[in-house]
Amino acid sequence: MLTSNKSIDRHAQIKATAEKAFNKLTPTIFHEAWWLEAATRGRIEFAEVTDGGRTVGRLPYMVNSRYGLTSSNMPTLTHFLGPGIDDGGGSEANRYVKRNSITQELIRKLPQLSSFRQKMHRGICDALPFQAQGYGVQVQFTFEIEPYPEATIWKGMRDKTRNVIRRAAENFDVFESVDPEAFLHLSMAHLEQKNMQANIDFDTCLEIAKQAISRGRGHIWVARECATGTPKAAIFCVWDNSTYYYLMSTRAPDAGNGVVPLLLWNAIQSASSMGYVFDFDGIVNEGSILLFSGFGGKTSPRYIVTKASMPYRVLRQIRRMDSSVSNAFC
């Protein structure tokens, strides 16, 4: 399953385009204007800090209102946010002080909210400015795979993971799709087969996927059963100037456990050929630890900053007690 030279050339062009578009105020794909516009349906707002007429800090956020309480959480499919900071030049010590000062000023410019929650991007090495402003800080870990040569990554996997991928490759053909609607329809069909519902806005997901694919910033990998030609599983990934993110997956109940690792291996190969870190996008349960660790990556922290009023905390607890909806694939 080696990547062709033609594919490598295409990925190099994509990488060059992404790097050209990068600036410190948009540190990830999730900070880019087109993504935020699609993910929030045009409701994105920004806290900004300027210095000498130049913007040096920007913090995106979206406000929701319910039961008279205002909250800001992560928009649909937007897995990381946090401040984008232009800390200029100078020594690392001076830049750290500047980043801290800009971040605290951004926080002070946020509106009065009943609740605020954001997961910080990989460029945020600590959450001390948020702690200084009275925010709580949690840590969620993710697995990352560096863009080593394909053979090196393959060798670094657990034997069990390699064997699972080999067996799945005997029964499934993997191809790249450019049809986001087909991916979402497949996802909905799999949920119906499992008698489950997803607490995610499919219309917004579709718009984001369309934008990412059209801009050459997303991949949909599909596993098709060799015997029948039927699509049985798919994953959706996006990338920015340095990182390739695994965002969504769907799998038919009868597809077997090896099909998603097979798709992930194809995505990891793609990220490696582009020279990007592959980010598994968070470890949420024991199952994800077993799956992701089998690929031989390293753990990396992602800070989650939160602040909530007492009425909001009470309402959230009541909603959790009443909730019975599971997000099955995101």
C-alpha atoms as a PDB file:
ATOM      1  CA  MET A   1       0.000   0.000   0.000  1.00  0.00           C
ATOM      2  CA  LEU A   2       2.700   2.446  -1.016  1.00  0.00           C
ATOM      3  CA  THR A   3       1.785   5.957  -2.107  1.00  0.00           C
ATOM      4  CA  SER A   4       2.390   6.631  -5.813  1.00  0.00           C
ATOM      5  CA  ASN A   5       4.821   9.299  -7.047  1.00  0.00           C
ATOM      6  CA  LYS A   6       1.908  11.113  -8.685  1.00  0.00           C
ATOM      7  CA  SER A   7       0.078  11.198  -5.354  1.00  0.00           C
ATOM      8  CA  ILE A   8       3.198  12.455  -3.569  1.00  0.00           C
ATOM      9  CA  ASP A   9       3.558  15.306  -6.093  1.00  0.00           C
ATOM     10  CA  ARG A  10      -0.090  16.265  -5.582  1.00  0.00           C
ATOM     11  CA  HIS A  11       0.330  16.227  -1.808  1.00  0.00           C
ATOM     12  CA  ALA A  12       3.449  18.393  -2.062  1.00  0.00           C
ATOM     13  CA  GLN A  13       1.464  21.008  -3.995  1.00  0.00           C
ATOM     14  CA  ILE A  14      -1.314  20.911  -1.400  1.00  0.00           C
ATOM     15  CA  LYS A  15       1.216  21.311   1.415  1.00  0.00           C
ATOM     16  CA  ALA A  16       2.840  24.304  -0.270  1.00  0.00           C
ATOM     17  CA  THR A  17      -0.560  25.986  -0.643  1.00  0.00           C
ATOM     18  CA  ALA A  18      -1.444  25.384   3.026  1.00  0.00           C
ATOM     19  CA  GLU A  19       1.907  26.703   4.257  1.00  0.00           C
ATOM     20  CA  LYS A  20       1.558  29.835   2.140  1.00  0.00           C
ATOM     21  CA  ALA A  21      -1.849  30.540   3.682  1.00  0.00           C
ATOM     22  CA  PHE A  22      -0.608  30.082   7.272  1.00  0.00           C
ATOM     23  CA  ASN A  23      -0.219  32.935   9.718  1.00  0.00           C
ATOM     24  CA  LYS A  24       0.011  33.036  13.502  1.00  0.00           C
ATOM     25  CA  LEU A  25      -3.535  34.340  13.930  1.00  0.00           C
ATOM     26  CA  THR A  26      -4.918  31.222  12.212  1.00  0.00           C
ATOM     27  CA  PRO A  27      -2.799  28.458  13.769  1.00  0.00           C
ATOM     28  CA  THR A  28      -5.050  25.595  12.612  1.00  0.00           C
ATOM     29  CA  ILE A  29      -7.555  24.865   9.871  1.00  0.00           C
ATOM     30  CA  PHE A  30     -10.270  25.301  12.516  1.00  0.00           C
ATOM     31  CA  HIS A  31      -9.304  28.985  12.888  1.00  0.00           C
ATOM     32  CA  GLU A  32      -9.623  29.787   9.192  1.00  0.00           C
ATOM     33  CA  ALA A  33     -12.448  32.099   8.154  1.00  0.00           C
ATOM     34  CA  TRP A  34     -14.120  29.678   5.728  1.00  0.00           C
ATOM     35  CA  TRP A  35     -14.165  26.884   8.341  1.00  0.00           C
ATOM     36  CA  LEU A  36     -15.603  29.061  11.095  1.00  0.00           C
ATOM     37  CA  GLU A  37     -18.194  30.538   8.729  1.00  0.00           C
ATOM     38  CA  ALA A  38     -19.402  27.053   7.768  1.00  0.00           C
ATOM     39  CA  ALA A  39     -19.170  25.556  11.273  1.00  0.00           C
ATOM     40  CA  THR A  40     -21.136  28.369  12.941  1.00  0.00           C
ATOM     41  CA  ARG A  41     -23.448  29.261  10.051  1.00  0.00           C
ATOM     42  CA  GLY A  42     -22.043  32.767  10.084  1.00  0.00           C
ATOM     43  CA  ARG A  43     -22.365  33.295  13.849  1.00  0.00           C
ATOM     44  CA  ILE A  44     -18.647  33.406  14.645  1.00  0.00           C
ATOM     45  CA  GLU A  45     -17.313  36.316  16.686  1.00  0.00           C
ATOM     46  CA  PHE A  46     -13.791  37.349  17.638  1.00  0.00           C
ATOM     47  CA  ALA A  47     -12.019  38.963  20.548  1.00  0.00           C
ATOM     48  CA  GLU A  48      -9.019  40.833  19.171  1.00  0.00           C
ATOM     49  CA  VAL A  49      -5.978  42.644  20.518  1.00  0.00           C
ATOM     50  CA  THR A  50      -4.102  45.207  18.447  1.00  0.00           C
ATOM     51  CA  ASP A  51      -0.686  46.789  18.827  1.00  0.00           C
ATOM     52  CA  GLY A  52       0.156  49.871  16.779  1.00  0.00           C
ATOM     53  CA  GLY A  53      -2.808  49.263  14.499  1.00  0.00           C
ATOM     54  CA  ARG A  54      -1.767  45.645  13.852  1.00  0.00           C
ATOM     55  CA  THR A  55      -3.773  42.687  15.119  1.00  0.00           C
ATOM     56  CA  VAL A  56      -1.557  40.572  17.389  1.00  0.00           C
ATOM     57  CA  GLY A  57      -4.161  38.351  19.032  1.00  0.00           C
ATOM     58  CA  ARG A  58      -7.446  36.776  17.974  1.00  0.00           C
ATOM     59  CA  LEU A  59      -9.765  34.413  19.846  1.00  0.00           C
ATOM     60  CA  PRO A  60     -12.769  33.005  17.945  1.00  0.00           C
ATOM     61  CA  TYR A  61     -15.948  32.117  19.813  1.00  0.00           C
ATOM     62  CA  MET A  62     -19.634  31.480  19.142  1.00  0.00           C
ATOM     63  CA  VAL A  63     -22.436  32.420  21.542  1.00  0.00           C
ATOM     64  CA  ASN A  64     -25.561  30.336  22.080  1.00  0.00           C
ATOM     65  CA  SER A  65     -28.517  31.313  24.237  1.00  0.00           C
ATOM     66  CA  ARG A  66     -30.933  28.930  25.949  1.00  0.00           C
ATOM     67  CA  TYR A  67     -33.232  29.314  28.942  1.00  0.00           C
ATOM     68  CA  GLY A  68     -31.883  32.831  29.371  1.00  0.00           C
ATOM     69  CA  LEU A  69     -28.299  31.596  29.739  1.00  0.00           C
ATOM     70  CA  THR A  70     -25.520  32.383  27.254  1.00  0.00           C
ATOM     71  CA  SER A  71     -22.768  29.896  26.496  1.00  0.00           C
ATOM     72  CA  SER A  72     -19.842  29.452  24.161  1.00  0.00           C
ATOM     73  CA  ASN A  73     -18.724  25.960  23.232  1.00  0.00           C
ATOM     74  CA  MET A  74     -16.910  24.351  20.319  1.00  0.00           C
ATOM     75  CA  PRO A  75     -18.708  24.732  16.973  1.00  0.00           C
ATOM     76  CA  THR A  76     -19.661  21.671  14.934  1.00  0.00           C
ATOM     77  CA  LEU A  77     -16.653  19.547  13.898  1.00  0.00           C
ATOM     78  CA  THR A  78     -14.323  22.254  15.209  1.00  0.00           C
ATOM     79  CA  HIS A  79     -12.099  20.093  17.351  1.00  0.00           C
ATOM     80  CA  PHE A  80      -9.567  22.742  18.412  1.00  0.00           C
ATOM     81  CA  LEU A  81      -9.634  26.500  18.906  1.00  0.00           C
ATOM     82  CA  GLY A  82      -7.936  28.786  21.407  1.00  0.00           C
ATOM     83  CA  PRO A  83      -6.084  32.036  20.749  1.00  0.00           C
ATOM     84  CA  GLY A  84      -3.974  32.810  17.726  1.00  0.00           C
ATOM     85  CA  ILE A  85      -1.048  34.961  18.883  1.00  0.00           C
ATOM     86  CA  ASP A  86       1.529  36.914  16.888  1.00  0.00           C
ATOM     87  CA  ASP A  87       4.266  37.212  19.502  1.00  0.00           C
ATOM     88  CA  GLY A  88       6.752  38.908  17.196  1.00  0.00           C
ATOM     89  CA  GLY A  89      10.491  38.326  17.602  1.00  0.00           C
ATOM     90  CA  GLY A  90      12.954  38.467  20.447  1.00  0.00           C
ATOM     91  CA  SER A  91      13.985  35.921  23.037  1.00  0.00           C
ATOM     92  CA  GLU A  92      11.697  33.071  24.024  1.00  0.00           C
ATOM     93  CA  ALA A  93      11.338  34.585  27.496  1.00  0.00           C
ATOM     94  CA  ASN A  94      10.132  37.923  26.099  1.00  0.00           C
ATOM     95  CA  ARG A  95       7.811  36.200  23.627  1.00  0.00           C
ATOM     96  CA  TYR A  96       6.315  34.101  26.420  1.00  0.00           C
ATOM     97  CA  VAL A  97       5.542  37.205  28.458  1.00  0.00           C
ATOM     98  CA  LYS A  98       3.987  38.819  25.389  1.00  0.00           C
ATOM     99  CA  ARG A  99       1.868  35.746  24.618  1.00  0.00           C
ATOM    100  CA  ASN A 100       0.668  35.635  28.207  1.00  0.00           C
ATOM    101  CA  SER A 101      -0.252  39.327  28.191  1.00  0.00           C
ATOM    102  CA  ILE A 102      -2.072  39.140  24.841  1.00  0.00           C
ATOM    103  CA  THR A 103      -3.989  36.019  25.867  1.00  0.00           C
ATOM    104  CA  GLN A 104      -5.185  37.552  29.123  1.00  0.00           C
ATOM    105  CA  GLU A 105      -6.320  40.672  27.284  1.00  0.00           C
ATOM    106  CA  LEU A 106      -8.237  38.512  24.803  1.00  0.00           C
ATOM    107  CA  ILE A 107      -9.953  36.725  27.696  1.00  0.00           C
ATOM    108  CA  ARG A 108     -10.950  40.024  29.287  1.00  0.00           C
ATOM    109  CA  LYS A 109     -12.519  41.082  25.967  1.00  0.00           C
ATOM    110  CA  LEU A 110     -14.877  38.097  25.893  1.00  0.00           C
ATOM    111  CA  PRO A 111     -18.525  38.964  26.656  1.00  0.00           C
ATOM    112  CA  GLN A 112     -20.096  38.038  29.973  1.00  0.00           C
ATOM    113  CA  LEU A 113     -21.180  34.420  29.510  1.00  0.00           C
ATOM    114  CA  SER A 114     -22.901  31.815  31.657  1.00  0.00           C
ATOM    115  CA  SER A 115     -20.490  29.211  30.314  1.00  0.00           C
ATOM    116  CA  PHE A 116     -17.335  29.078  28.217  1.00  0.00           C
ATOM    117  CA  ARG A 117     -15.515  25.978  27.007  1.00  0.00           C
ATOM    118  CA  GLN A 118     -12.770  25.596  24.426  1.00  0.00           C
ATOM    119  CA  LYS A 119     -10.190  22.949  23.607  1.00  0.00           C
ATOM    120  CA  MET A 120      -6.826  24.529  22.871  1.00  0.00           C
ATOM    121  CA  HIS A 121      -4.831  23.732  19.729  1.00  0.00           C
ATOM    122  CA  ARG A 122      -1.461  21.947  19.842  1.00  0.00           C
ATOM    123  CA  GLY A 123       0.430  25.257  19.777  1.00  0.00           C
ATOM    124  CA  ILE A 124      -0.840  26.148  23.270  1.00  0.00           C
ATOM    125  CA  CYS A 125       1.779  24.710  25.632  1.00  0.00           C
ATOM    126  CA  ASP A 126       0.018  25.743  28.844  1.00  0.00           C
ATOM    127  CA  ALA A 127      -3.219  27.367  30.002  1.00  0.00           C
ATOM    128  CA  LEU A 128      -1.769  29.632  32.671  1.00  0.00           C
ATOM    129  CA  PRO A 129      -3.309  32.854  31.252  1.00  0.00           C
ATOM    130  CA  PHE A 130      -6.767  31.264  31.542  1.00  0.00           C
ATOM    131  CA  GLN A 131      -6.061  30.080  35.070  1.00  0.00           C
ATOM    132  CA  ALA A 132      -4.980  33.610  35.964  1.00  0.00           C
ATOM    133  CA  GLN A 133      -8.398  34.820  34.787  1.00  0.00           C
ATOM    134  CA  GLY A 134     -10.303  32.299  36.922  1.00  0.00           C
ATOM    135  CA  TYR A 135     -10.878  29.541  34.339  1.00  0.00           C
ATOM    136  CA  GLY A 136     -10.673  25.857  35.116  1.00  0.00           C
ATOM    137  CA  VAL A 137      -8.238  23.757  33.104  1.00  0.00           C
ATOM    138  CA  GLN A 138      -8.559  20.116  32.124  1.00  0.00           C
ATOM    139  CA  VAL A 139      -6.326  17.984  29.938  1.00  0.00           C
ATOM    140  CA  GLN A 140      -7.355  15.577  27.188  1.00  0.00           C
ATOM    141  CA  PHE A 141      -4.653  13.497  25.557  1.00  0.00           C
ATOM    142  CA  THR A 142      -4.356  12.581  21.920  1.00  0.00           C
ATOM    143  CA  PHE A 143      -2.034  10.301  19.981  1.00  0.00           C
ATOM    144  CA  GLU A 144       0.181  11.828  17.308  1.00  0.00           C
ATOM    145  CA  ILE A 145       2.279  10.140  14.641  1.00  0.00           C
ATOM    146  CA  GLU A 146       5.236  12.037  13.269  1.00  0.00           C
ATOM    147  CA  PRO A 147       5.720  12.058   9.469  1.00  0.00           C
ATOM    148  CA  TYR A 148       8.388   9.377   9.461  1.00  0.00           C
ATOM    149  CA  PRO A 149       8.904   7.198   6.375  1.00  0.00           C
ATOM    150  CA  GLU A 150       6.044   4.791   5.798  1.00  0.00           C
ATOM    151  CA  ALA A 151       8.204   1.734   6.509  1.00  0.00           C
ATOM    152  CA  THR A 152       9.302   3.215   9.850  1.00  0.00           C
ATOM    153  CA  ILE A 153       5.711   3.883  10.930  1.00  0.00           C
ATOM    154  CA  TRP A 154       4.641   0.390   9.880  1.00  0.00           C
ATOM    155  CA  LYS A 155       7.492  -1.188  11.837  1.00  0.00           C
ATOM    156  CA  GLY A 156       6.598   0.855  14.926  1.00  0.00           C
ATOM    157  CA  MET A 157       3.046  -0.530  15.097  1.00  0.00           C
ATOM    158  CA  ARG A 158       1.972  -3.366  17.353  1.00  0.00           C
ATOM    159  CA  ASP A 159       2.023  -6.761  15.639  1.00  0.00           C
ATOM    160  CA  LYS A 160      -1.693  -7.145  16.360  1.00  0.00           C
ATOM    161  CA  THR A 161      -2.510  -3.845  14.607  1.00  0.00           C
ATOM    162  CA  ARG A 162      -0.476  -4.793  11.541  1.00  0.00           C
ATOM    163  CA  ASN A 163      -2.164  -8.191  11.356  1.00  0.00           C
ATOM    164  CA  VAL A 164      -5.639  -6.653  11.681  1.00  0.00           C
ATOM    165  CA  ILE A 165      -4.846  -4.266   8.812  1.00  0.00           C
ATOM    166  CA  ARG A 166      -3.472  -7.088   6.632  1.00  0.00           C
ATOM    167  CA  ARG A 167      -6.603  -9.192   7.126  1.00  0.00           C
ATOM    168  CA  ALA A 168      -8.900  -6.260   6.416  1.00  0.00           C
ATOM    169  CA  ALA A 169      -6.950  -5.473   3.219  1.00  0.00           C
ATOM    170  CA  GLU A 170      -7.817  -8.956   1.945  1.00  0.00           C
ATOM    171  CA  ASN A 171     -11.539  -8.172   2.112  1.00  0.00           C
ATOM    172  CA  PHE A 172     -11.747  -4.431   1.462  1.00  0.00           C
ATOM    173  CA  ASP A 173     -10.620  -2.071  -1.256  1.00  0.00           C
ATOM    174  CA  VAL A 174      -9.801   1.470  -0.075  1.00  0.00           C
ATOM    175  CA  PHE A 175     -10.368   4.466  -2.317  1.00  0.00           C
ATOM    176  CA  GLU A 176     -10.581   8.242  -1.955  1.00  0.00           C
ATOM    177  CA  SER A 177     -14.015   9.796  -2.413  1.00  0.00           C
ATOM    178  CA  VAL A 178     -14.779  13.404  -3.274  1.00  0.00           C
ATOM    179  CA  ASP A 179     -18.489  13.087  -2.470  1.00  0.00           C
ATOM    180  CA  PRO A 180     -19.297  14.428   1.029  1.00  0.00           C
ATOM    181  CA  GLU A 181     -23.014  13.776   0.554  1.00  0.00           C
ATOM    182  CA  ALA A 182     -22.351  10.069  -0.011  1.00  0.00           C
ATOM    183  CA  PHE A 183     -20.244   9.985   3.176  1.00  0.00           C
ATOM    184  CA  LEU A 184     -23.004  11.557   5.279  1.00  0.00           C
ATOM    185  CA  HIS A 185     -25.671   9.315   3.738  1.00  0.00           C
ATOM    186  CA  LEU A 186     -23.533   6.293   4.556  1.00  0.00           C
ATOM    187  CA  SER A 187     -23.132   7.541   8.126  1.00  0.00           C
ATOM    188  CA  MET A 188     -26.877   8.005   8.571  1.00  0.00           C
ATOM    189  CA  ALA A 189     -27.576   4.554   7.132  1.00  0.00           C
ATOM    190  CA  HIS A 190     -25.148   2.937   9.577  1.00  0.00           C
ATOM    191  CA  LEU A 191     -26.752   4.744  12.509  1.00  0.00           C
ATOM    192  CA  GLU A 192     -30.186   3.528  11.443  1.00  0.00           C
ATOM    193  CA  GLN A 193     -28.852  -0.033  11.227  1.00  0.00           C
ATOM    194  CA  LYS A 194     -27.642   0.303  14.820  1.00  0.00           C
ATOM    195  CA  ASN A 195     -30.896   1.962  15.991  1.00  0.00           C
ATOM    196  CA  MET A 196     -28.896   4.979  17.113  1.00  0.00           C
ATOM    197  CA  GLN A 197     -29.026   8.731  16.717  1.00  0.00           C
ATOM    198  CA  ALA A 198     -26.171  11.223  16.568  1.00  0.00           C
ATOM    199  CA  ASN A 199     -26.096  14.513  18.450  1.00  0.00           C
ATOM    200  CA  ILE A 200     -24.427  16.351  15.600  1.00  0.00           C
ATOM    201  CA  ASP A 201     -25.760  18.661  12.912  1.00  0.00           C
ATOM    202  CA  PHE A 202     -25.428  16.707   9.656  1.00  0.00           C
ATOM    203  CA  ASP A 203     -26.245  19.751   7.504  1.00  0.00           C
ATOM    204  CA  THR A 204     -23.375  21.709   9.032  1.00  0.00           C
ATOM    205  CA  CYS A 205     -21.063  18.707   8.717  1.00  0.00           C
ATOM    206  CA  LEU A 206     -21.949  18.470   5.037  1.00  0.00           C
ATOM    207  CA  GLU A 207     -21.168  22.135   4.412  1.00  0.00           C
ATOM    208  CA  ILE A 208     -17.815  21.844   6.185  1.00  0.00           C
ATOM    209  CA  ALA A 209     -16.915  18.703   4.250  1.00  0.00           C
ATOM    210  CA  LYS A 210     -17.886  20.302   0.931  1.00  0.00           C
ATOM    211  CA  GLN A 211     -15.738  23.345   1.700  1.00  0.00           C
ATOM    212  CA  ALA A 212     -12.760  21.238   2.775  1.00  0.00           C
ATOM    213  CA  ILE A 213     -12.903  18.958  -0.276  1.00  0.00           C
ATOM    214  CA  SER A 214     -13.368  21.835  -2.721  1.00  0.00           C
ATOM    215  CA  ARG A 215     -10.380  23.671  -1.224  1.00  0.00           C
ATOM    216  CA  GLY A 216      -8.150  20.611  -1.381  1.00  0.00           C
ATOM    217  CA  ARG A 217      -7.997  20.422   2.420  1.00  0.00           C
ATOM    218  CA  GLY A 218      -9.890  17.206   3.143  1.00  0.00           C
ATOM    219  CA  HIS A 219      -9.873  13.487   2.393  1.00  0.00           C
ATOM    220  CA  ILE A 220     -12.717  10.986   2.539  1.00  0.00           C
ATOM    221  CA  TRP A 221     -11.346   7.444   2.632  1.00  0.00           C
ATOM    222  CA  VAL A 222     -13.880   4.693   1.893  1.00  0.00           C
ATOM    223  CA  ALA A 223     -13.545   0.933   2.401  1.00  0.00           C
ATOM    224  CA  ARG A 224     -15.484  -1.070  -0.172  1.00  0.00           C
ATOM    225  CA  GLU A 225     -16.158  -4.770   0.309  1.00  0.00           C
ATOM    226  CA  CYS A 226     -14.292  -6.657  -2.414  1.00  0.00           C
ATOM    227  CA  ALA A 227     -16.899  -9.399  -2.767  1.00  0.00           C
ATOM    228  CA  THR A 228     -19.903  -7.092  -3.232  1.00  0.00           C
ATOM    229  CA  GLY A 229     -18.478  -3.647  -4.020  1.00  0.00           C
ATOM    230  CA  THR A 230     -20.543  -2.243  -1.130  1.00  0.00           C
ATOM    231  CA  PRO A 231     -19.073   0.624   0.928  1.00  0.00           C
ATOM    232  CA  LYS A 232     -18.811  -0.591   4.514  1.00  0.00           C
ATOM    233  CA  ALA A 233     -16.854   2.136   6.280  1.00  0.00           C
ATOM    234  CA  ALA A 234     -15.405   5.600   5.738  1.00  0.00           C
ATOM    235  CA  ILE A 235     -13.414   8.280   7.534  1.00  0.00           C
ATOM    236  CA  PHE A 236     -13.142  12.035   7.006  1.00  0.00           C
ATOM    237  CA  CYS A 237      -9.847  13.847   7.608  1.00  0.00           C
ATOM    238  CA  VAL A 238      -8.661  17.438   7.127  1.00  0.00           C
ATOM    239  CA  TRP A 239      -5.308  19.211   7.374  1.00  0.00           C
ATOM    240  CA  ASP A 240      -3.662  22.586   7.791  1.00  0.00           C
ATOM    241  CA  ASN A 241      -0.046  23.629   7.351  1.00  0.00           C
ATOM    242  CA  SER A 242       1.399  21.039   9.735  1.00  0.00           C
ATOM    243  CA  THR A 243      -1.209  18.565  10.988  1.00  0.00           C
ATOM    244  CA  TYR A 244      -3.543  15.984   9.470  1.00  0.00           C
ATOM    245  CA  TYR A 245      -6.648  15.497  11.653  1.00  0.00           C
ATOM    246  CA  TYR A 246      -8.872  12.417  11.918  1.00  0.00           C
ATOM    247  CA  LEU A 247     -12.353  13.895  12.425  1.00  0.00           C
ATOM    248  CA  MET A 248     -15.143  11.434  11.666  1.00  0.00           C
ATOM    249  CA  SER A 249     -15.693   7.763  10.936  1.00  0.00           C
ATOM    250  CA  THR A 250     -18.585   5.454  10.174  1.00  0.00           C
ATOM    251  CA  ARG A 251     -18.739   1.661   9.994  1.00  0.00           C
ATOM    252  CA  ALA A 252     -21.448  -0.840   9.118  1.00  0.00           C
ATOM    253  CA  PRO A 253     -22.357  -3.220  11.967  1.00  0.00           C
ATOM    254  CA  ASP A 254     -21.222  -6.234   9.909  1.00  0.00           C
ATOM    255  CA  ALA A 255     -17.969  -4.720   8.617  1.00  0.00           C
ATOM    256  CA  GLY A 256     -15.651  -6.153  11.269  1.00  0.00           C
ATOM    257  CA  ASN A 257     -13.239  -4.346  13.558  1.00  0.00           C
ATOM    258  CA  GLY A 258     -10.321  -4.216  11.129  1.00  0.00           C
ATOM    259  CA  VAL A 259     -11.848  -1.933   8.532  1.00  0.00           C
ATOM    260  CA  VAL A 260     -11.362   1.336  10.450  1.00  0.00           C
ATOM    261  CA  PRO A 261      -7.683   0.574  11.232  1.00  0.00           C
ATOM    262  CA  LEU A 262      -7.233  -0.107   7.518  1.00  0.00           C
ATOM    263  CA  LEU A 263      -8.705   3.299   6.675  1.00  0.00           C
ATOM    264  CA  LEU A 264      -6.598   4.981   9.359  1.00  0.00           C
ATOM    265  CA  TRP A 265      -3.463   3.381   7.926  1.00  0.00           C
ATOM    266  CA  ASN A 266      -4.274   4.858   4.512  1.00  0.00           C
ATOM    267  CA  ALA A 267      -4.803   8.278   6.111  1.00  0.00           C
ATOM    268  CA  ILE A 268      -1.534   7.997   8.047  1.00  0.00           C
ATOM    269  CA  GLN A 269       0.308   7.150   4.830  1.00  0.00           C
ATOM    270  CA  SER A 270      -1.211  10.231   3.215  1.00  0.00           C
ATOM    271  CA  ALA A 271      -0.170  12.449   6.129  1.00  0.00           C
ATOM    272  CA  SER A 272       3.355  11.023   6.051  1.00  0.00           C
ATOM    273  CA  SER A 273       3.700  11.639   2.308  1.00  0.00           C
ATOM    274  CA  MET A 274       2.681  15.273   2.905  1.00  0.00           C
ATOM    275  CA  GLY A 275       5.150  15.684   5.770  1.00  0.00           C
ATOM    276  CA  TYR A 276       2.378  16.271   8.335  1.00  0.00           C
ATOM    277  CA  VAL A 277       1.815  15.048  11.879  1.00  0.00           C
ATOM    278  CA  PHE A 278      -1.190  12.700  12.077  1.00  0.00           C
ATOM    279  CA  ASP A 279      -3.492  13.647  14.974  1.00  0.00           C
ATOM    280  CA  PHE A 280      -5.999  11.044  16.188  1.00  0.00           C
ATOM    281  CA  ASP A 281      -7.984  13.923  17.729  1.00  0.00           C
ATOM    282  CA  GLY A 282      -8.423  12.912  21.307  1.00  0.00           C
ATOM    283  CA  ILE A 283      -8.641   9.849  23.516  1.00  0.00           C
ATOM    284  CA  VAL A 284     -12.129   9.567  24.984  1.00  0.00           C
ATOM    285  CA  ASN A 285     -12.373   5.986  26.259  1.00  0.00           C
ATOM    286  CA  GLU A 286     -10.511   2.723  26.780  1.00  0.00           C
ATOM    287  CA  GLY A 287     -11.399   1.539  23.286  1.00  0.00           C
ATOM    288  CA  SER A 288      -9.749   4.523  21.633  1.00  0.00           C
ATOM    289  CA  ILE A 289      -6.617   3.996  23.763  1.00  0.00           C
ATOM    290  CA  LEU A 290      -6.311   0.407  22.533  1.00  0.00           C
ATOM    291  CA  LEU A 291      -6.998   1.331  18.916  1.00  0.00           C
ATOM    292  CA  PHE A 292      -4.795   4.424  18.633  1.00  0.00           C
ATOM    293  CA  SER A 293      -1.858   3.160  20.690  1.00  0.00           C
ATOM    294  CA  GLY A 294      -1.553   0.210  18.330  1.00  0.00           C
ATOM    295  CA  PHE A 295      -0.288   2.567  15.643  1.00  0.00           C
ATOM    296  CA  GLY A 296       2.753   3.462  17.728  1.00  0.00           C
ATOM    297  CA  GLY A 297       2.174   7.172  18.177  1.00  0.00           C
ATOM    298  CA  LYS A 298       3.083   9.353  21.120  1.00  0.00           C
ATOM    299  CA  THR A 299       0.650  10.952  23.559  1.00  0.00           C
ATOM    300  CA  SER A 300       0.290  14.718  23.522  1.00  0.00           C
ATOM    301  CA  PRO A 301      -1.831  16.936  25.821  1.00  0.00           C
ATOM    302  CA  ARG A 302      -4.630  19.244  24.729  1.00  0.00           C
ATOM    303  CA  TYR A 303      -5.828  21.760  27.299  1.00  0.00           C
ATOM    304  CA  ILE A 304      -9.535  22.407  27.789  1.00  0.00           C
ATOM    305  CA  VAL A 305     -10.458  25.676  29.480  1.00  0.00           C
ATOM    306  CA  THR A 306     -13.859  26.107  31.134  1.00  0.00           C
ATOM    307  CA  LYS A 307     -15.793  28.592  33.182  1.00  0.00           C
ATOM    308  CA  ALA A 308     -19.431  28.307  34.196  1.00  0.00           C
ATOM    309  CA  SER A 309     -21.858  30.068  36.508  1.00  0.00           C
ATOM    310  CA  MET A 310     -23.749  28.125  39.176  1.00  0.00           C
ATOM    311  CA  PRO A 311     -27.130  28.260  37.317  1.00  0.00           C
ATOM    312  CA  TYR A 312     -25.472  26.886  34.191  1.00  0.00           C
ATOM    313  CA  ARG A 313     -23.774  24.064  36.113  1.00  0.00           C
ATOM    314  CA  VAL A 314     -27.110  23.042  37.625  1.00  0.00           C
ATOM    315  CA  LEU A 315     -28.827  23.085  34.226  1.00  0.00           C
ATOM    316  CA  ARG A 316     -26.006  21.059  32.674  1.00  0.00           C
ATOM    317  CA  GLN A 317     -26.289  18.400  35.362  1.00  0.00           C
ATOM    318  CA  ILE A 318     -30.041  18.105  34.784  1.00  0.00           C
ATOM    319  CA  ARG A 319     -29.514  17.749  31.032  1.00  0.00           C
ATOM    320  CA  ARG A 320     -26.908  15.034  31.555  1.00  0.00           C
ATOM    321  CA  MET A 321     -29.314  13.066  33.712  1.00  0.00           C
ATOM    322  CA  ASP A 322     -32.021  13.292  31.052  1.00  0.00           C
ATOM    323  CA  SER A 323     -29.802  12.634  28.045  1.00  0.00           C
ATOM    324  CA  SER A 324     -29.876   9.238  26.367  1.00  0.00           C
ATOM    325  CA  VAL A 325     -28.470  10.199  22.941  1.00  0.00           C
ATOM    326  CA  SER A 326     -25.064   8.841  21.940  1.00  0.00           C
ATOM    327  CA  ASN A 327     -22.772  10.253  19.292  1.00  0.00           C
ATOM    328  CA  ALA A 328     -21.866   7.077  17.519  1.00  0.00           C
ATOM    329  CA  PHE A 329     -19.225   8.067  15.023  1.00  0.00           C
ATOM    330  CA  CYS A 330     -17.721  11.498  15.623  1.00  0.00           C
END
